[in-house]
């Protein structure tokens, strides 16, 4: 992956990742893009305006496209 992504590039990459994974955690995404959990939360919030994104809490939780 590229070292530095703009927020819009990162959101598109997150969308592609969600399309290819059944479930991924916010922390995993933050590590992949080398950003904070809060940045990923903002990205997910922005994406959820256009894509039906769900989340599952708990030990086996994460973010997914519903």
PDB file of N, CA and C in Angstrom:
ATOM      1  N   UNK A   1       0.826  -1.193   0.000  1.00  0.00           N
ATOM      2  CA  UNK A   1       0.000   0.000   0.000  1.00  0.00           C
ATOM      3  C   UNK A   1       0.866   1.251   0.000  1.00  0.00           C
ATOM      4  N   UNK A   2       0.275   2.304  -0.471  1.00  0.00           N
ATOM      5  CA  UNK A   2       0.926   3.597  -0.480  1.00  0.00           C
ATOM      6  C   UNK A   2       1.184   4.059   0.946  1.00  0.00           C
ATOM      7  N   UNK A   3       2.226   4.828   1.156  1.00  0.00           N
ATOM      8  CA  UNK A   3       2.552   5.302   2.493  1.00  0.00           C
ATOM      9  C   UNK A   3       1.521   6.287   3.030  1.00  0.00           C
ATOM     10  N   UNK A   4       1.198   7.314   2.243  1.00  0.00           N
ATOM     11  CA  UNK A   4       0.309   8.365   2.720  1.00  0.00           C
ATOM     12  C   UNK A   4      -0.894   8.482   1.786  1.00  0.00           C
ATOM     13  N   UNK A   5      -2.069   8.419   2.371  1.00  0.00           N
ATOM     14  CA  UNK A   5      -3.312   8.558   1.625  1.00  0.00           C
ATOM     15  C   UNK A   5      -4.013   9.834   2.047  1.00  0.00           C
ATOM     16  N   UNK A   6      -4.663  10.491   1.107  1.00  0.00           N
ATOM     17  CA  UNK A   6      -5.553  11.581   1.478  1.00  0.00           C
ATOM     18  C   UNK A   6      -6.797  10.934   2.083  1.00  0.00           C
ATOM     19  N   UNK A   7      -7.587  11.694   2.843  1.00  0.00           N
ATOM     20  CA  UNK A   7      -8.795  11.094   3.423  1.00  0.00           C
ATOM     21  C   UNK A   7      -9.720  10.469   2.378  1.00  0.00           C
ATOM     22  N   UNK A   8      -9.890  11.098   1.236  1.00  0.00           N
ATOM     23  CA  UNK A   8     -10.783  10.528   0.221  1.00  0.00           C
ATOM     24  C   UNK A   8     -10.195   9.247  -0.377  1.00  0.00           C
ATOM     25  N   UNK A   9      -8.886   9.205  -0.585  1.00  0.00           N
ATOM     26  CA  UNK A   9      -8.248   7.982  -1.083  1.00  0.00           C
ATOM     27  C   UNK A   9      -8.379   6.858  -0.059  1.00  0.00           C
ATOM     28  N   UNK A  10      -8.173   7.210   1.204  1.00  0.00           N
ATOM     29  CA  UNK A  10      -8.265   6.220   2.275  1.00  0.00           C
ATOM     30  C   UNK A  10      -9.689   5.659   2.355  1.00  0.00           C
ATOM     31  N   UNK A  11     -10.681   6.509   2.201  1.00  0.00           N
ATOM     32  CA  UNK A  11     -12.074   6.045   2.251  1.00  0.00           C
ATOM     33  C   UNK A  11     -12.390   5.094   1.108  1.00  0.00           C
ATOM     34  N   UNK A  12     -11.862   5.387  -0.065  1.00  0.00           N
ATOM     35  CA  UNK A  12     -12.073   4.471  -1.191  1.00  0.00           C
ATOM     36  C   UNK A  12     -11.388   3.131  -0.930  1.00  0.00           C
ATOM     37  N   UNK A  13     -10.195   3.162  -0.391  1.00  0.00           N
ATOM     38  CA  UNK A  13      -9.478   1.925  -0.065  1.00  0.00           C
ATOM     39  C   UNK A  13     -10.236   1.138   1.001  1.00  0.00           C
ATOM     40  N   UNK A  14     -10.771   1.838   2.002  1.00  0.00           N
ATOM     41  CA  UNK A  14     -11.560   1.165   3.042  1.00  0.00           C
ATOM     42  C   UNK A  14     -12.782   0.505   2.411  1.00  0.00           C
ATOM     43  N   UNK A  15     -13.432   1.205   1.503  1.00  0.00           N
ATOM     44  CA  UNK A  15     -14.586   0.639   0.801  1.00  0.00           C
ATOM     45  C   UNK A  15     -14.200  -0.650   0.074  1.00  0.00           C
ATOM     46  N   UNK A  16     -13.093  -0.642  -0.650  1.00  0.00           N
ATOM     47  CA  UNK A  16     -12.635  -1.844  -1.369  1.00  0.00           C
ATOM     48  C   UNK A  16     -12.293  -2.969  -0.396  1.00  0.00           C
ATOM     49  N   UNK A  17     -11.694  -2.628   0.724  1.00  0.00           N
ATOM     50  CA  UNK A  17     -11.358  -3.642   1.732  1.00  0.00           C
ATOM     51  C   UNK A  17     -12.634  -4.265   2.287  1.00  0.00           C
ATOM     52  N   UNK A  18     -13.622  -3.423   2.583  1.00  0.00           N
ATOM     53  CA  UNK A  18     -14.889  -3.936   3.110  1.00  0.00           C
ATOM     54  C   UNK A  18     -15.617  -4.808   2.084  1.00  0.00           C
ATOM     55  N   UNK A  19     -15.453  -4.495   0.822  1.00  0.00           N
ATOM     56  CA  UNK A  19     -16.080  -5.306  -0.223  1.00  0.00           C
ATOM     57  C   UNK A  19     -15.462  -6.712  -0.273  1.00  0.00           C
ATOM     58  N   UNK A  20     -14.181  -6.818   0.057  1.00  0.00           N
ATOM     59  CA  UNK A  20     -13.462  -8.081  -0.067  1.00  0.00           C
ATOM     60  C   UNK A  20     -13.352  -8.876   1.232  1.00  0.00           C
ATOM     61  N   UNK A  21     -13.657  -8.254   2.367  1.00  0.00           N
ATOM     62  CA  UNK A  21     -13.594  -8.942   3.656  1.00  0.00           C
ATOM     63  C   UNK A  21     -14.996  -9.009   4.232  1.00  0.00           C
ATOM     64  N   UNK A  22     -15.277 -10.063   4.920  1.00  0.00           N
ATOM     65  CA  UNK A  22     -16.580 -10.153   5.562  1.00  0.00           C
ATOM     66  C   UNK A  22     -16.661  -9.222   6.761  1.00  0.00           C
ATOM     67  N   UNK A  23     -15.572  -9.118   7.500  1.00  0.00           N
ATOM     68  CA  UNK A  23     -15.561  -8.352   8.736  1.00  0.00           C
ATOM     69  C   UNK A  23     -14.136  -7.911   9.017  1.00  0.00           C
ATOM     70  N   UNK A  24     -13.958  -6.653   9.385  1.00  0.00           N
ATOM     71  CA  UNK A  24     -12.636  -6.149   9.735  1.00  0.00           C
ATOM     72  C   UNK A  24     -12.801  -5.136  10.863  1.00  0.00           C
ATOM     73  N   UNK A  25     -11.843  -5.088  11.761  1.00  0.00           N
ATOM     74  CA  UNK A  25     -11.964  -4.182  12.898  1.00  0.00           C
ATOM     75  C   UNK A  25     -11.406  -2.806  12.566  1.00  0.00           C
ATOM     76  N   UNK A  26     -11.859  -1.838  13.328  1.00  0.00           N
ATOM     77  CA  UNK A  26     -11.376  -0.473  13.190  1.00  0.00           C
ATOM     78  C   UNK A  26      -9.873  -0.414  13.468  1.00  0.00           C
ATOM     79  N   UNK A  27      -9.442  -1.171  14.440  1.00  0.00           N
ATOM     80  CA  UNK A  27      -8.025  -1.186  14.802  1.00  0.00           C
ATOM     81  C   UNK A  27      -7.167  -1.747  13.668  1.00  0.00           C
ATOM     82  N   UNK A  28      -7.649  -2.803  13.008  1.00  0.00           N
ATOM     83  CA  UNK A  28      -6.921  -3.359  11.865  1.00  0.00           C
ATOM     84  C   UNK A  28      -6.795  -2.330  10.743  1.00  0.00           C
ATOM     85  N   UNK A  29      -7.878  -1.616  10.469  1.00  0.00           N
ATOM     86  CA  UNK A  29      -7.831  -0.581   9.434  1.00  0.00           C
ATOM     87  C   UNK A  29      -6.856   0.535   9.831  1.00  0.00           C
ATOM     88  N   UNK A  30      -6.890   0.923  11.089  1.00  0.00           N
ATOM     89  CA  UNK A  30      -5.989   1.982  11.561  1.00  0.00           C
ATOM     90  C   UNK A  30      -4.530   1.562  11.382  1.00  0.00           C
ATOM     91  N   UNK A  31      -4.229   0.322  11.666  1.00  0.00           N
ATOM     92  CA  UNK A  31      -2.856  -0.177  11.482  1.00  0.00           C
ATOM     93  C   UNK A  31      -2.474  -0.232  10.015  1.00  0.00           C
ATOM     94  N   UNK A  32      -3.408  -0.647   9.172  1.00  0.00           N
ATOM     95  CA  UNK A  32      -3.126  -0.749   7.742  1.00  0.00           C
ATOM     96  C   UNK A  32      -2.766   0.615   7.145  1.00  0.00           C
ATOM     97  N   UNK A  33      -3.472   1.653   7.590  1.00  0.00           N
ATOM     98  CA  UNK A  33      -3.280   2.990   7.018  1.00  0.00           C
ATOM     99  C   UNK A  33      -2.413   3.893   7.884  1.00  0.00           C
ATOM    100  N   UNK A  34      -1.952   3.362   9.008  1.00  0.00           N
ATOM    101  CA  UNK A  34      -1.080   4.117   9.907  1.00  0.00           C
ATOM    102  C   UNK A  34      -1.733   5.439  10.344  1.00  0.00           C
ATOM    103  N   UNK A  35      -2.994   5.337  10.758  1.00  0.00           N
ATOM    104  CA  UNK A  35      -3.743   6.482  11.272  1.00  0.00           C
ATOM    105  C   UNK A  35      -4.392   6.072  12.588  1.00  0.00           C
ATOM    106  N   UNK A  36      -5.021   7.027  13.256  1.00  0.00           N
ATOM    107  CA  UNK A  36      -5.663   6.746  14.538  1.00  0.00           C
ATOM    108  C   UNK A  36      -7.015   6.062  14.343  1.00  0.00           C
ATOM    109  N   UNK A  37      -7.503   5.453  15.423  1.00  0.00           N
ATOM    110  CA  UNK A  37      -8.839   4.860  15.394  1.00  0.00           C
ATOM    111  C   UNK A  37      -9.889   5.927  15.114  1.00  0.00           C
ATOM    112  N   UNK A  38      -9.670   7.138  15.632  1.00  0.00           N
ATOM    113  CA  UNK A  38     -10.613   8.234  15.400  1.00  0.00           C
ATOM    114  C   UNK A  38     -10.701   8.606  13.923  1.00  0.00           C
ATOM    115  N   UNK A  39      -9.585   8.579  13.226  1.00  0.00           N
ATOM    116  CA  UNK A  39      -9.594   8.878  11.790  1.00  0.00           C
ATOM    117  C   UNK A  39     -10.412   7.828  11.043  1.00  0.00           C
ATOM    118  N   UNK A  40     -10.269   6.566  11.427  1.00  0.00           N
ATOM    119  CA  UNK A  40     -11.045   5.503  10.801  1.00  0.00           C
ATOM    120  C   UNK A  40     -12.526   5.674  11.116  1.00  0.00           C
ATOM    121  N   UNK A  41     -12.848   6.073  12.340  1.00  0.00           N
ATOM    122  CA  UNK A  41     -14.243   6.328  12.712  1.00  0.00           C
ATOM    123  C   UNK A  41     -14.842   7.415  11.832  1.00  0.00           C
ATOM    124  N   UNK A  42     -14.098   8.484  11.606  1.00  0.00           N
ATOM    125  CA  UNK A  42     -14.576   9.558  10.723  1.00  0.00           C
ATOM    126  C   UNK A  42     -14.756   9.053   9.300  1.00  0.00           C
ATOM    127  N   UNK A  43     -13.826   8.229   8.846  1.00  0.00           N
ATOM    128  CA  UNK A  43     -13.943   7.664   7.494  1.00  0.00           C
ATOM    129  C   UNK A  43     -15.169   6.772   7.372  1.00  0.00           C
ATOM    130  N   UNK A  44     -15.403   5.939   8.354  1.00  0.00           N
ATOM    131  CA  UNK A  44     -16.561   5.043   8.328  1.00  0.00           C
ATOM    132  C   UNK A  44     -17.856   5.850   8.376  1.00  0.00           C
ATOM    133  N   UNK A  45     -17.873   6.901   9.182  1.00  0.00           N
ATOM    134  CA  UNK A  45     -19.053   7.767   9.245  1.00  0.00           C
ATOM    135  C   UNK A  45     -19.322   8.409   7.892  1.00  0.00           C
ATOM    136  N   UNK A  46     -18.277   8.888   7.241  1.00  0.00           N
ATOM    137  CA  UNK A  46     -18.439   9.502   5.915  1.00  0.00           C
ATOM    138  C   UNK A  46     -18.901   8.474   4.890  1.00  0.00           C
ATOM    139  N   UNK A  47     -18.333   7.282   4.926  1.00  0.00           N
ATOM    140  CA  UNK A  47     -18.730   6.232   3.980  1.00  0.00           C
ATOM    141  C   UNK A  47     -20.167   5.775   4.206  1.00  0.00           C
ATOM    142  N   UNK A  48     -20.594   5.787   5.455  1.00  0.00           N
ATOM    143  CA  UNK A  48     -21.926   5.270   5.766  1.00  0.00           C
ATOM    144  C   UNK A  48     -23.037   6.145   5.195  1.00  0.00           C
ATOM    145  N   UNK A  49     -22.703   7.330   4.733  1.00  0.00           N
ATOM    146  CA  UNK A  49     -23.695   8.176   4.070  1.00  0.00           C
ATOM    147  C   UNK A  49     -24.072   7.623   2.701  1.00  0.00           C
ATOM    148  N   UNK A  50     -23.173   6.834   2.117  1.00  0.00           N
ATOM    149  CA  UNK A  50     -23.372   6.324   0.762  1.00  0.00           C
ATOM    150  C   UNK A  50     -23.463   4.804   0.682  1.00  0.00           C
ATOM    151  N   UNK A  51     -22.903   4.124   1.675  1.00  0.00           N
ATOM    152  CA  UNK A  51     -22.815   2.665   1.665  1.00  0.00           C
ATOM    153  C   UNK A  51     -23.427   2.145   2.969  1.00  0.00           C
ATOM    154  N   UNK A  52     -24.261   1.110   2.907  1.00  0.00           N
ATOM    155  CA  UNK A  52     -24.847   0.574   4.150  1.00  0.00           C
ATOM    156  C   UNK A  52     -23.808  -0.211   4.963  1.00  0.00           C
ATOM    157  N   UNK A  53     -23.171   0.482   5.889  1.00  0.00           N
ATOM    158  CA  UNK A  53     -22.120  -0.128   6.706  1.00  0.00           C
ATOM    159  C   UNK A  53     -22.701  -0.478   8.074  1.00  0.00           C
ATOM    160  N   UNK A  54     -22.426  -1.682   8.503  1.00  0.00           N
ATOM    161  CA  UNK A  54     -22.864  -2.135   9.809  1.00  0.00           C
ATOM    162  C   UNK A  54     -21.669  -2.392  10.702  1.00  0.00           C
ATOM    163  N   UNK A  55     -21.943  -2.525  11.982  1.00  0.00           N
ATOM    164  CA  UNK A  55     -20.872  -2.861  12.918  1.00  0.00           C
ATOM    165  C   UNK A  55     -21.394  -3.853  13.932  1.00  0.00           C
ATOM    166  N   UNK A  56     -20.492  -4.675  14.390  1.00  0.00           N
ATOM    167  CA  UNK A  56     -20.816  -5.718  15.352  1.00  0.00           C
ATOM    168  C   UNK A  56     -19.859  -5.548  16.520  1.00  0.00           C
ATOM    169  N   UNK A  57     -20.398  -5.419  17.705  1.00  0.00           N
ATOM    170  CA  UNK A  57     -19.560  -5.218  18.886  1.00  0.00           C
ATOM    171  C   UNK A  57     -19.168  -6.557  19.495  1.00  0.00           C
ATOM    172  N   UNK A  58     -18.161  -6.524  20.315  1.00  0.00           N
ATOM    173  CA  UNK A  58     -17.754  -7.724  21.039  1.00  0.00           C
ATOM    174  C   UNK A  58     -16.444  -8.296  20.540  1.00  0.00           C
ATOM    175  N   UNK A  59     -16.100  -9.418  21.099  1.00  0.00           N
ATOM    176  CA  UNK A  59     -14.823 -10.051  20.807  1.00  0.00           C
ATOM    177  C   UNK A  59     -14.640 -10.365  19.329  1.00  0.00           C
ATOM    178  N   UNK A  60     -15.681 -10.799  18.668  1.00  0.00           N
ATOM    179  CA  UNK A  60     -15.596 -11.153  17.253  1.00  0.00           C
ATOM    180  C   UNK A  60     -16.288 -10.096  16.389  1.00  0.00           C
ATOM    181  N   UNK A  61     -16.287  -8.869  16.844  1.00  0.00           N
ATOM    182  CA  UNK A  61     -16.966  -7.795  16.144  1.00  0.00           C
ATOM    183  C   UNK A  61     -16.093  -7.147  15.093  1.00  0.00           C
ATOM    184  N   UNK A  62     -16.676  -6.155  14.438  1.00  0.00           N
ATOM    185  CA  UNK A  62     -15.953  -5.416  13.418  1.00  0.00           C
ATOM    186  C   UNK A  62     -16.925  -4.634  12.547  1.00  0.00           C
ATOM    187  N   UNK A  63     -16.421  -4.184  11.439  1.00  0.00           N
ATOM    188  CA  UNK A  63     -17.171  -3.367  10.493  1.00  0.00           C
ATOM    189  C   UNK A  63     -17.393  -4.203   9.239  1.00  0.00           C
ATOM    190  N   UNK A  64     -18.564  -4.041   8.647  1.00  0.00           N
ATOM    191  CA  UNK A  64     -18.886  -4.799   7.438  1.00  0.00           C
ATOM    192  C   UNK A  64     -19.886  -4.029   6.594  1.00  0.00           C
ATOM    193  N   UNK A  65     -20.021  -4.422   5.343  1.00  0.00           N
ATOM    194  CA  UNK A  65     -21.058  -3.858   4.483  1.00  0.00           C
ATOM    195  C   UNK A  65     -22.271  -4.758   4.629  1.00  0.00           C
ATOM    196  N   UNK A  66     -23.383  -4.141   5.025  1.00  0.00           N
ATOM    197  CA  UNK A  66     -24.599  -4.936   5.257  1.00  0.00           C
ATOM    198  C   UNK A  66     -25.460  -5.043   4.035  1.00  0.00           C
TER     199      UNK A  66
END
